[in-house]
PDB file of N, CA and C in Angstrom:
ATOM      1  N   MET A   1       0.677  -1.046  -0.090  1.00  0.00           N
ATOM      2  CA  MET A   1       0.067  -0.080   0.056  1.00  0.00           C
ATOM      3  C   MET A   1       0.987   1.227  -0.150  1.00  0.00           C
ATOM      4  N   LYS A   2       0.609   2.030  -0.968  1.00  0.00           N
ATOM      5  CA  LYS A   2       1.451   3.244  -1.040  1.00  0.00           C
ATOM      6  C   LYS A   2       0.797   4.410  -0.144  1.00  0.00           C
ATOM      7  N   ALA A   3       1.724   4.999   0.790  1.00  0.00           N
ATOM      8  CA  ALA A   3       1.464   5.997   1.768  1.00  0.00           C
ATOM      9  C   ALA A   3       1.033   7.192   1.029  1.00  0.00           C
ATOM     10  N   ALA A   4      -0.083   7.855   1.552  1.00  0.00           N
ATOM     11  CA  ALA A   4      -0.608   9.172   0.863  1.00  0.00           C
ATOM     12  C   ALA A   4      -0.219  10.388   1.851  1.00  0.00           C
ATOM     13  N   LEU A   5       0.953  10.940   0.959  1.00  0.00           N
ATOM     14  CA  LEU A   5       1.476  12.148   1.704  1.00  0.00           C
ATOM     15  C   LEU A   5       0.688  13.279   1.451  1.00  0.00           C
ATOM     16  N   ASN A   6       0.557  14.254   2.453  1.00  0.00           N
ATOM     17  CA  ASN A   6      -0.474  15.476   2.187  1.00  0.00           C
ATOM     18  C   ASN A   6       0.360  16.427   1.350  1.00  0.00           C
ATOM     19  N   GLU A   7      -0.042  16.590   0.161  1.00  0.00           N
ATOM     20  CA  GLU A   7       0.828  17.498  -0.651  1.00  0.00           C
ATOM     21  C   GLU A   7       0.649  19.080  -0.239  1.00  0.00           C
ATOM     22  N   ILE A   8      -0.332  19.317   0.465  1.00  0.00           N
ATOM     23  CA  ILE A   8      -0.279  20.604   0.862  1.00  0.00           C
ATOM     24  C   ILE A   8       0.526  20.719   1.831  1.00  0.00           C
ATOM     25  N   ILE A   9       0.894  19.873   2.749  1.00  0.00           N
ATOM     26  CA  ILE A   9       1.716  20.081   3.958  1.00  0.00           C
ATOM     27  C   ILE A   9       3.023  19.839   3.592  1.00  0.00           C
ATOM     28  N   HIS A  10       3.257  18.895   2.622  1.00  0.00           N
ATOM     29  CA  HIS A  10       4.508  18.154   2.185  1.00  0.00           C
ATOM     30  C   HIS A  10       5.681  19.172   1.728  1.00  0.00           C
ATOM     31  N   ALA A  11       5.191  20.338   1.059  1.00  0.00           N
ATOM     32  CA  ALA A  11       6.153  21.251   0.541  1.00  0.00           C
ATOM     33  C   ALA A  11       7.044  21.797   1.778  1.00  0.00           C
ATOM     34  N   PRO A  12       8.338  21.962   1.657  1.00  0.00           N
ATOM     35  CA  PRO A  12       9.226  22.213   2.737  1.00  0.00           C
ATOM     36  C   PRO A  12       8.864  23.343   3.580  1.00  0.00           C
ATOM     37  N   ASN A  13       8.599  24.395   2.902  1.00  0.00           N
ATOM     38  CA  ASN A  13       8.260  25.662   3.809  1.00  0.00           C
ATOM     39  C   ASN A  13       6.962  25.442   4.553  1.00  0.00           C
ATOM     40  N   ARG A  14       5.843  24.926   3.968  1.00  0.00           N
ATOM     41  CA  ARG A  14       4.489  24.529   4.529  1.00  0.00           C
ATOM     42  C   ARG A  14       4.622  23.566   5.802  1.00  0.00           C
ATOM     43  N   LEU A  15       5.649  22.635   5.366  1.00  0.00           N
ATOM     44  CA  LEU A  15       5.760  21.776   6.556  1.00  0.00           C
ATOM     45  C   LEU A  15       6.618  22.152   7.814  1.00  0.00           C
ATOM     46  N   GLN A  16       7.450  23.165   7.311  1.00  0.00           N
ATOM     47  CA  GLN A  16       8.108  23.916   8.655  1.00  0.00           C
ATOM     48  C   GLN A  16       6.979  24.731   9.150  1.00  0.00           C
ATOM     49  N   ILE A  17       6.219  25.598   8.490  1.00  0.00           N
ATOM     50  CA  ILE A  17       5.424  26.226   9.175  1.00  0.00           C
ATOM     51  C   ILE A  17       4.280  25.453  10.104  1.00  0.00           C
ATOM     52  N   CYS A  18       3.813  24.337   9.609  1.00  0.00           N
ATOM     53  CA  CYS A  18       3.107  23.526  10.470  1.00  0.00           C
ATOM     54  C   CYS A  18       3.804  22.831  11.689  1.00  0.00           C
ATOM     55  N   ALA A  19       4.947  22.747  11.399  1.00  0.00           N
ATOM     56  CA  ALA A  19       5.810  21.872  12.596  1.00  0.00           C
ATOM     57  C   ALA A  19       6.167  23.225  13.724  1.00  0.00           C
ATOM     58  N   PHE A  20       6.250  24.212  13.197  1.00  0.00           N
ATOM     59  CA  PHE A  20       6.355  25.304  14.202  1.00  0.00           C
ATOM     60  C   PHE A  20       5.222  25.576  14.762  1.00  0.00           C
ATOM     61  N   LEU A  21       4.146  25.731  14.141  1.00  0.00           N
ATOM     62  CA  LEU A  21       2.784  26.192  14.769  1.00  0.00           C
ATOM     63  C   LEU A  21       2.247  25.035  15.608  1.00  0.00           C
ATOM     64  N   ILE A  22       2.587  23.998  15.427  1.00  0.00           N
ATOM     65  CA  ILE A  22       1.961  22.779  16.184  1.00  0.00           C
ATOM     66  C   ILE A  22       2.595  22.826  17.604  1.00  0.00           C
ATOM     67  N   SER A  23       3.556  23.496  17.793  1.00  0.00           N
ATOM     68  CA  SER A  23       4.351  23.614  19.198  1.00  0.00           C
ATOM     69  C   SER A  23       3.853  25.040  19.787  1.00  0.00           C
ATOM     70  N   VAL A  24       2.890  25.529  19.306  1.00  0.00           N
ATOM     71  CA  VAL A  24       2.528  26.980  20.028  1.00  0.00           C
ATOM     72  C   VAL A  24       1.077  27.012  19.711  1.00  0.00           C
ATOM     73  N   ASP A  25       0.648  28.054  20.484  1.00  0.00           N
ATOM     74  CA  ASP A  25      -0.768  28.219  20.533  1.00  0.00           C
ATOM     75  C   ASP A  25      -1.051  29.147  19.155  1.00  0.00           C
ATOM     76  N   ARG A  26      -0.226  30.263  19.012  1.00  0.00           N
ATOM     77  CA  ARG A  26      -0.338  31.179  17.834  1.00  0.00           C
ATOM     78  C   ARG A  26       1.169  31.859  17.755  1.00  0.00           C
ATOM     79  N   ALA A  27       1.405  32.341  16.538  1.00  0.00           N
ATOM     80  CA  ALA A  27       2.608  33.106  16.360  1.00  0.00           C
ATOM     81  C   ALA A  27       2.350  34.209  15.572  1.00  0.00           C
ATOM     82  N   GLU A  28       3.229  35.119  15.543  1.00  0.00           N
ATOM     83  CA  GLU A  28       3.208  36.437  14.723  1.00  0.00           C
ATOM     84  C   GLU A  28       3.918  35.977  13.548  1.00  0.00           C
ATOM     85  N   PHE A  29       3.215  36.510  12.343  1.00  0.00           N
ATOM     86  CA  PHE A  29       3.818  36.392  11.117  1.00  0.00           C
ATOM     87  C   PHE A  29       5.247  36.605  10.918  1.00  0.00           C
ATOM     88  N   SER A  30       5.779  37.690  11.517  1.00  0.00           N
ATOM     89  CA  SER A  30       7.232  37.882  11.352  1.00  0.00           C
ATOM     90  C   SER A  30       8.176  37.046  12.010  1.00  0.00           C
ATOM     91  N   ILE A  31       7.393  36.148  12.977  1.00  0.00           N
ATOM     92  CA  ILE A  31       8.463  35.247  13.662  1.00  0.00           C
ATOM     93  C   ILE A  31       8.455  33.958  12.760  1.00  0.00           C
ATOM     94  N   VAL A  32       7.229  33.801  12.265  1.00  0.00           N
ATOM     95  CA  VAL A  32       7.254  32.543  11.195  1.00  0.00           C
ATOM     96  C   VAL A  32       8.252  32.880  10.011  1.00  0.00           C
ATOM     97  N   ARG A  33       8.024  33.932   9.487  1.00  0.00           N
ATOM     98  CA  ARG A  33       8.895  34.457   8.338  1.00  0.00           C
ATOM     99  C   ARG A  33      10.391  34.325   8.690  1.00  0.00           C
ATOM    100  N   ASP A  34      10.779  34.887   9.958  1.00  0.00           N
ATOM    101  CA  ASP A  34      12.257  34.724  10.381  1.00  0.00           C
ATOM    102  C   ASP A  34      12.674  33.431  10.505  1.00  0.00           C
ATOM    103  N   MET A  35      11.912  32.473  10.755  1.00  0.00           N
ATOM    104  CA  MET A  35      12.159  31.046  11.163  1.00  0.00           C
ATOM    105  C   MET A  35      12.345  30.581   9.983  1.00  0.00           C
ATOM    106  N   LEU A  36      11.490  30.805   8.714  1.00  0.00           N
ATOM    107  CA  LEU A  36      11.893  30.327   7.423  1.00  0.00           C
ATOM    108  C   LEU A  36      13.028  30.759   6.855  1.00  0.00           C
ATOM    109  N   GLY A  37      13.482  32.081   7.245  1.00  0.00           N
ATOM    110  CA  GLY A  37      14.484  32.631   6.564  1.00  0.00           C
ATOM    111  C   GLY A  37      14.136  33.167   5.050  1.00  0.00           C
ATOM    112  N   VAL A  38      12.848  33.415   4.860  1.00  0.00           N
ATOM    113  CA  VAL A  38      12.374  33.952   3.478  1.00  0.00           C
ATOM    114  C   VAL A  38      11.721  35.346   3.591  1.00  0.00           C
ATOM    115  N   THR A  39      11.259  35.765   2.534  1.00  0.00           N
ATOM    116  CA  THR A  39      10.542  36.984   2.285  1.00  0.00           C
ATOM    117  C   THR A  39       9.220  37.016   2.769  1.00  0.00           C
ATOM    118  N   ASP A  40       8.611  38.280   3.024  1.00  0.00           N
ATOM    119  CA  ASP A  40       7.252  38.400   3.263  1.00  0.00           C
ATOM    120  C   ASP A  40       6.554  37.548   2.429  1.00  0.00           C
ATOM    121  N   SER A  41       6.788  38.023   1.140  1.00  0.00           N
ATOM    122  CA  SER A  41       5.746  37.380  -0.004  1.00  0.00           C
ATOM    123  C   SER A  41       6.025  35.996  -0.271  1.00  0.00           C
ATOM    124  N   VAL A  42       7.003  35.242   0.207  1.00  0.00           N
ATOM    125  CA  VAL A  42       7.046  33.803   0.148  1.00  0.00           C
ATOM    126  C   VAL A  42       6.477  33.152   1.153  1.00  0.00           C
ATOM    127  N   THR A  43       6.557  33.745   2.340  1.00  0.00           N
ATOM    128  CA  THR A  43       5.800  33.546   3.643  1.00  0.00           C
ATOM    129  C   THR A  43       4.169  33.545   3.408  1.00  0.00           C
ATOM    130  N   SER A  44       3.798  34.605   2.974  1.00  0.00           N
ATOM    131  CA  SER A  44       2.408  34.957   2.440  1.00  0.00           C
ATOM    132  C   SER A  44       1.823  34.047   1.681  1.00  0.00           C
ATOM    133  N   LYS A  45       2.545  33.568   0.573  1.00  0.00           N
ATOM    134  CA  LYS A  45       2.007  32.664  -0.391  1.00  0.00           C
ATOM    135  C   LYS A  45       1.807  31.197   0.267  1.00  0.00           C
ATOM    136  N   HIS A  46       2.844  30.639   1.116  1.00  0.00           N
ATOM    137  CA  HIS A  46       2.558  29.308   1.711  1.00  0.00           C
ATOM    138  C   HIS A  46       1.469  29.509   2.876  1.00  0.00           C
ATOM    139  N   ILE A  47       1.440  30.525   3.561  1.00  0.00           N
ATOM    140  CA  ILE A  47       0.306  30.643   4.576  1.00  0.00           C
ATOM    141  C   ILE A  47      -1.083  30.687   3.932  1.00  0.00           C
ATOM    142  N   LYS A  48      -1.275  31.384   2.692  1.00  0.00           N
ATOM    143  CA  LYS A  48      -2.531  31.573   2.010  1.00  0.00           C
ATOM    144  C   LYS A  48      -2.823  30.119   1.422  1.00  0.00           C
ATOM    145  N   ILE A  49      -2.050  29.233   1.175  1.00  0.00           N
ATOM    146  CA  ILE A  49      -2.234  27.906   0.855  1.00  0.00           C
ATOM    147  C   ILE A  49      -2.622  27.041   1.990  1.00  0.00           C
ATOM    148  N   LEU A  50      -2.144  27.179   3.090  1.00  0.00           N
ATOM    149  CA  LEU A  50      -2.401  26.540   4.230  1.00  0.00           C
ATOM    150  C   LEU A  50      -3.947  27.034   4.647  1.00  0.00           C
ATOM    151  N   GLN A  51      -4.067  28.185   4.523  1.00  0.00           N
ATOM    152  CA  GLN A  51      -5.540  28.927   4.940  1.00  0.00           C
ATOM    153  C   GLN A  51      -6.475  28.247   3.924  1.00  0.00           C
ATOM    154  N   GLN A  52      -6.248  28.345   2.873  1.00  0.00           N
ATOM    155  CA  GLN A  52      -7.379  28.008   1.669  1.00  0.00           C
ATOM    156  C   GLN A  52      -7.545  26.472   2.052  1.00  0.00           C
ATOM    157  N   ALA A  53      -6.780  25.848   2.619  1.00  0.00           N
ATOM    158  CA  ALA A  53      -6.910  24.210   2.887  1.00  0.00           C
ATOM    159  C   ALA A  53      -7.764  24.158   4.488  1.00  0.00           C
ATOM    160  N   GLY A  54      -7.784  25.153   4.852  1.00  0.00           N
ATOM    161  CA  GLY A  54      -8.446  25.233   6.346  1.00  0.00           C
ATOM    162  C   GLY A  54      -7.427  24.719   7.434  1.00  0.00           C
ATOM    163  N   TYR A  55      -6.186  24.818   7.113  1.00  0.00           N
ATOM    164  CA  TYR A  55      -5.246  24.429   7.999  1.00  0.00           C
ATOM    165  C   TYR A  55      -4.686  25.348   9.069  1.00  0.00           C
ATOM    166  N   VAL A  56      -4.721  26.669   8.635  1.00  0.00           N
ATOM    167  CA  VAL A  56      -4.168  27.773   9.254  1.00  0.00           C
ATOM    168  C   VAL A  56      -5.245  28.958   9.352  1.00  0.00           C
ATOM    169  N   GLN A  57      -5.549  29.607  10.475  1.00  0.00           N
ATOM    170  CA  GLN A  57      -6.261  30.644  10.531  1.00  0.00           C
ATOM    171  C   GLN A  57      -5.409  31.998  10.966  1.00  0.00           C
ATOM    172  N   ILE A  58      -5.937  33.106  10.480  1.00  0.00           N
ATOM    173  CA  ILE A  58      -5.391  34.185  10.388  1.00  0.00           C
ATOM    174  C   ILE A  58      -5.999  35.149  11.158  1.00  0.00           C
ATOM    175  N   ALA A  59      -5.413  35.868  12.100  1.00  0.00           N
ATOM    176  CA  ALA A  59      -6.239  37.031  12.746  1.00  0.00           C
ATOM    177  C   ALA A  59      -5.171  38.301  12.787  1.00  0.00           C
ATOM    178  N   LYS A  60      -5.943  39.503  12.584  1.00  0.00           N
ATOM    179  CA  LYS A  60      -5.164  40.767  12.665  1.00  0.00           C
ATOM    180  C   LYS A  60      -6.105  41.611  13.447  1.00  0.00           C
ATOM    181  N   PRO A  61      -5.684  41.433  14.859  1.00  0.00           N
ATOM    182  CA  PRO A  61      -6.609  42.172  15.999  1.00  0.00           C
ATOM    183  C   PRO A  61      -6.201  43.615  15.714  1.00  0.00           C
ATOM    184  N   THR A  62      -7.121  44.407  15.816  1.00  0.00           N
ATOM    185  CA  THR A  62      -6.853  45.744  15.912  1.00  0.00           C
ATOM    186  C   THR A  62      -6.623  46.443  17.266  1.00  0.00           C
ATOM    187  N   GLY A  63      -6.028  47.471  17.399  1.00  0.00           N
ATOM    188  CA  GLY A  63      -5.698  48.103  18.581  1.00  0.00           C
ATOM    189  C   GLY A  63      -4.795  49.288  18.413  1.00  0.00           C
ATOM    190  N   GLN A  64      -4.097  49.493  19.510  1.00  0.00           N
ATOM    191  CA  GLN A  64      -3.276  50.568  19.298  1.00  0.00           C
ATOM    192  C   GLN A  64      -1.831  50.145  18.692  1.00  0.00           C
ATOM    193  N   GLY A  65      -1.235  50.961  17.999  1.00  0.00           N
ATOM    194  CA  GLY A  65       0.053  50.652  17.306  1.00  0.00           C
ATOM    195  C   GLY A  65      -0.187  49.763  16.080  1.00  0.00           C
ATOM    196  N   ARG A  66       0.905  49.154  15.632  1.00  0.00           N
ATOM    197  CA  ARG A  66       1.180  48.295  14.370  1.00  0.00           C
ATOM    198  C   ARG A  66       0.110  47.235  14.640  1.00  0.00           C
ATOM    199  N   VAL A  67      -0.634  46.858  13.548  1.00  0.00           N
ATOM    200  CA  VAL A  67      -1.488  45.787  13.464  1.00  0.00           C
ATOM    201  C   VAL A  67      -0.544  44.642  13.094  1.00  0.00           C
ATOM    202  N   LYS A  68      -0.672  43.545  14.010  1.00  0.00           N
ATOM    203  CA  LYS A  68       0.288  42.322  13.796  1.00  0.00           C
ATOM    204  C   LYS A  68      -0.879  41.245  13.088  1.00  0.00           C
ATOM    205  N   THR A  69      -0.169  40.336  12.447  1.00  0.00           N
ATOM    206  CA  THR A  69      -0.822  39.373  11.714  1.00  0.00           C
ATOM    207  C   THR A  69      -0.206  38.121  12.637  1.00  0.00           C
ATOM    208  N   TRP A  70      -1.373  37.411  13.201  1.00  0.00           N
ATOM    209  CA  TRP A  70      -1.078  36.243  14.040  1.00  0.00           C
ATOM    210  C   TRP A  70      -1.703  35.035  13.150  1.00  0.00           C
ATOM    211  N   LEU A  71      -0.862  33.823  13.541  1.00  0.00           N
ATOM    212  CA  LEU A  71      -1.141  32.581  12.774  1.00  0.00           C
ATOM    213  C   LEU A  71      -1.158  31.557  13.886  1.00  0.00           C
ATOM    214  N   GLU A  72      -2.371  30.645  13.635  1.00  0.00           N
ATOM    215  CA  GLU A  72      -2.394  29.410  14.181  1.00  0.00           C
ATOM    216  C   GLU A  72      -2.948  28.209  13.446  1.00  0.00           C
ATOM    217  N   LEU A  73      -2.511  27.032  13.769  1.00  0.00           N
ATOM    218  CA  LEU A  73      -3.208  25.950  13.099  1.00  0.00           C
ATOM    219  C   LEU A  73      -4.648  25.695  13.634  1.00  0.00           C
ATOM    220  N   THR A  74      -5.425  25.438  12.710  1.00  0.00           N
ATOM    221  CA  THR A  74      -6.729  25.101  12.864  1.00  0.00           C
ATOM    222  C   THR A  74      -6.863  23.597  13.711  1.00  0.00           C
ATOM    223  N   PRO A  75      -7.830  23.160  14.239  1.00  0.00           N
ATOM    224  CA  PRO A  75      -8.047  21.774  14.491  1.00  0.00           C
ATOM    225  C   PRO A  75      -7.833  20.784  13.319  1.00  0.00           C
ATOM    226  N   SER A  76      -8.571  21.083  12.298  1.00  0.00           N
ATOM    227  CA  SER A  76      -8.206  20.294  10.979  1.00  0.00           C
ATOM    228  C   SER A  76      -6.662  20.249  10.581  1.00  0.00           C
ATOM    229  N   GLY A  77      -6.159  21.538  10.879  1.00  0.00           N
ATOM    230  CA  GLY A  77      -4.557  21.745  10.417  1.00  0.00           C
ATOM    231  C   GLY A  77      -3.854  20.783  11.336  1.00  0.00           C
ATOM    232  N   ARG A  78      -4.035  20.749  12.831  1.00  0.00           N
ATOM    233  CA  ARG A  78      -3.268  20.010  13.549  1.00  0.00           C
ATOM    234  C   ARG A  78      -3.531  18.453  13.416  1.00  0.00           C
ATOM    235  N   LEU A  79      -4.924  17.977  12.914  1.00  0.00           N
ATOM    236  CA  LEU A  79      -5.029  16.562  12.418  1.00  0.00           C
ATOM    237  C   LEU A  79      -4.241  16.246  11.059  1.00  0.00           C
ATOM    238  N   ALA A  80      -4.333  17.268  10.225  1.00  0.00           N
ATOM    239  CA  ALA A  80      -3.662  16.906   9.012  1.00  0.00           C
ATOM    240  C   ALA A  80      -2.261  16.705   9.215  1.00  0.00           C
ATOM    241  N   TYR A  81      -1.582  17.701  10.068  1.00  0.00           N
ATOM    242  CA  TYR A  81      -0.121  17.756  10.236  1.00  0.00           C
ATOM    243  C   TYR A  81       0.144  16.368  10.954  1.00  0.00           C
ATOM    244  N   ALA A  82      -0.689  15.961  11.981  1.00  0.00           N
ATOM    245  CA  ALA A  82      -0.277  14.613  12.554  1.00  0.00           C
ATOM    246  C   ALA A  82      -0.340  13.430  11.731  1.00  0.00           C
ATOM    247  N   GLN A  83      -1.260  13.259  10.762  1.00  0.00           N
ATOM    248  CA  GLN A  83      -1.552  12.395   9.828  1.00  0.00           C
ATOM    249  C   GLN A  83      -0.200  12.347   9.090  1.00  0.00           C
ATOM    250  N   HIS A  84       0.117  13.616   8.633  1.00  0.00           N
ATOM    251  CA  HIS A  84       1.197  13.651   7.750  1.00  0.00           C
ATOM    252  C   HIS A  84       2.644  13.008   8.183  1.00  0.00           C
ATOM    253  N   VAL A  85       2.645  13.512   9.211  1.00  0.00           N
ATOM    254  CA  VAL A  85       3.986  13.123  10.294  1.00  0.00           C
ATOM    255  C   VAL A  85       3.825  11.526  10.293  1.00  0.00           C
ATOM    256  N   ASP A  86       2.655  10.999  10.743  1.00  0.00           N
ATOM    257  CA  ASP A  86       2.557   9.537  10.712  1.00  0.00           C
ATOM    258  C   ASP A  86       2.894   8.720   9.531  1.00  0.00           C
ATOM    259  N   THR A  87       2.485   9.250   8.353  1.00  0.00           N
ATOM    260  CA  THR A  87       2.661   8.834   7.198  1.00  0.00           C
ATOM    261  C   THR A  87       4.242   8.762   7.033  1.00  0.00           C
ATOM    262  N   LEU A  88       4.846   9.932   7.047  1.00  0.00           N
ATOM    263  CA  LEU A  88       6.224  10.135   6.853  1.00  0.00           C
ATOM    264  C   LEU A  88       7.057   8.971   7.713  1.00  0.00           C
ATOM    265  N   ARG A  89       6.589   8.922   9.045  1.00  0.00           N
ATOM    266  CA  ARG A  89       7.174   7.647   9.847  1.00  0.00           C
ATOM    267  C   ARG A  89       7.132   6.387   9.201  1.00  0.00           C
ATOM    268  N   ARG A  90       5.893   5.936   8.580  1.00  0.00           N
ATOM    269  CA  ARG A  90       5.727   4.775   8.130  1.00  0.00           C
ATOM    270  C   ARG A  90       6.579   4.506   6.807  1.00  0.00           C
ATOM    271  N   VAL A  91       6.634   5.622   6.089  1.00  0.00           N
ATOM    272  CA  VAL A  91       7.468   5.668   4.887  1.00  0.00           C
ATOM    273  C   VAL A  91       8.855   5.293   5.278  1.00  0.00           C
ATOM    274  N   ILE A  92       9.413   5.915   6.230  1.00  0.00           N
ATOM    275  CA  ILE A  92      10.799   5.830   6.614  1.00  0.00           C
ATOM    276  C   ILE A  92      10.914   4.225   7.183  1.00  0.00           C
ATOM    277  N   ALA A  93      10.105   3.874   8.077  1.00  0.00           N
ATOM    278  CA  ALA A  93       9.918   2.626   8.630  1.00  0.00           C
ATOM    279  C   ALA A  93       9.970   1.591   7.515  1.00  0.00           C
ATOM    280  N   ASP A  94       9.276   1.847   6.658  1.00  0.00           N
ATOM    281  CA  ASP A  94       9.127   0.646   5.418  1.00  0.00           C
ATOM    282  C   ASP A  94      10.402   0.679   4.528  1.00  0.00           C
ATOM    283  N   SER A  95      11.184   1.747   4.819  1.00  0.00           N
ATOM    284  CA  SER A  95      12.389   1.832   3.640  1.00  0.00           C
ATOM    285  C   SER A  95      13.377   0.749   3.986  1.00  0.00           C
ATOM    286  N   PRO A  96      14.066   0.215   2.976  1.00  0.00           N
ATOM    287  CA  PRO A  96      15.090  -0.770   3.154  1.00  0.00           C
ATOM    288  C   PRO A  96      16.228  -0.367   4.088  1.00  0.00           C
TER     289      PRO A  96
END
């Protein structure tokens, strides 16, 4: 049986985003960008794909000062990431 990797999560930057967000309640966009070591536009592109899949929720609370963009994995994002990691583990375990 061929393992079904989640193509949305499997892309390296999106995998890193999910791996980071699974360990926190939420994270500010600039922290995620800096963790990836890429530009705002590259980060935004990957976040948008995750958001469209229902895996990441974006919040921009208003208040005093600069508006910050906060990211968090949704329950379905947490489940999809956990399933993807499980699939990766099975692929590795089944390799010669």
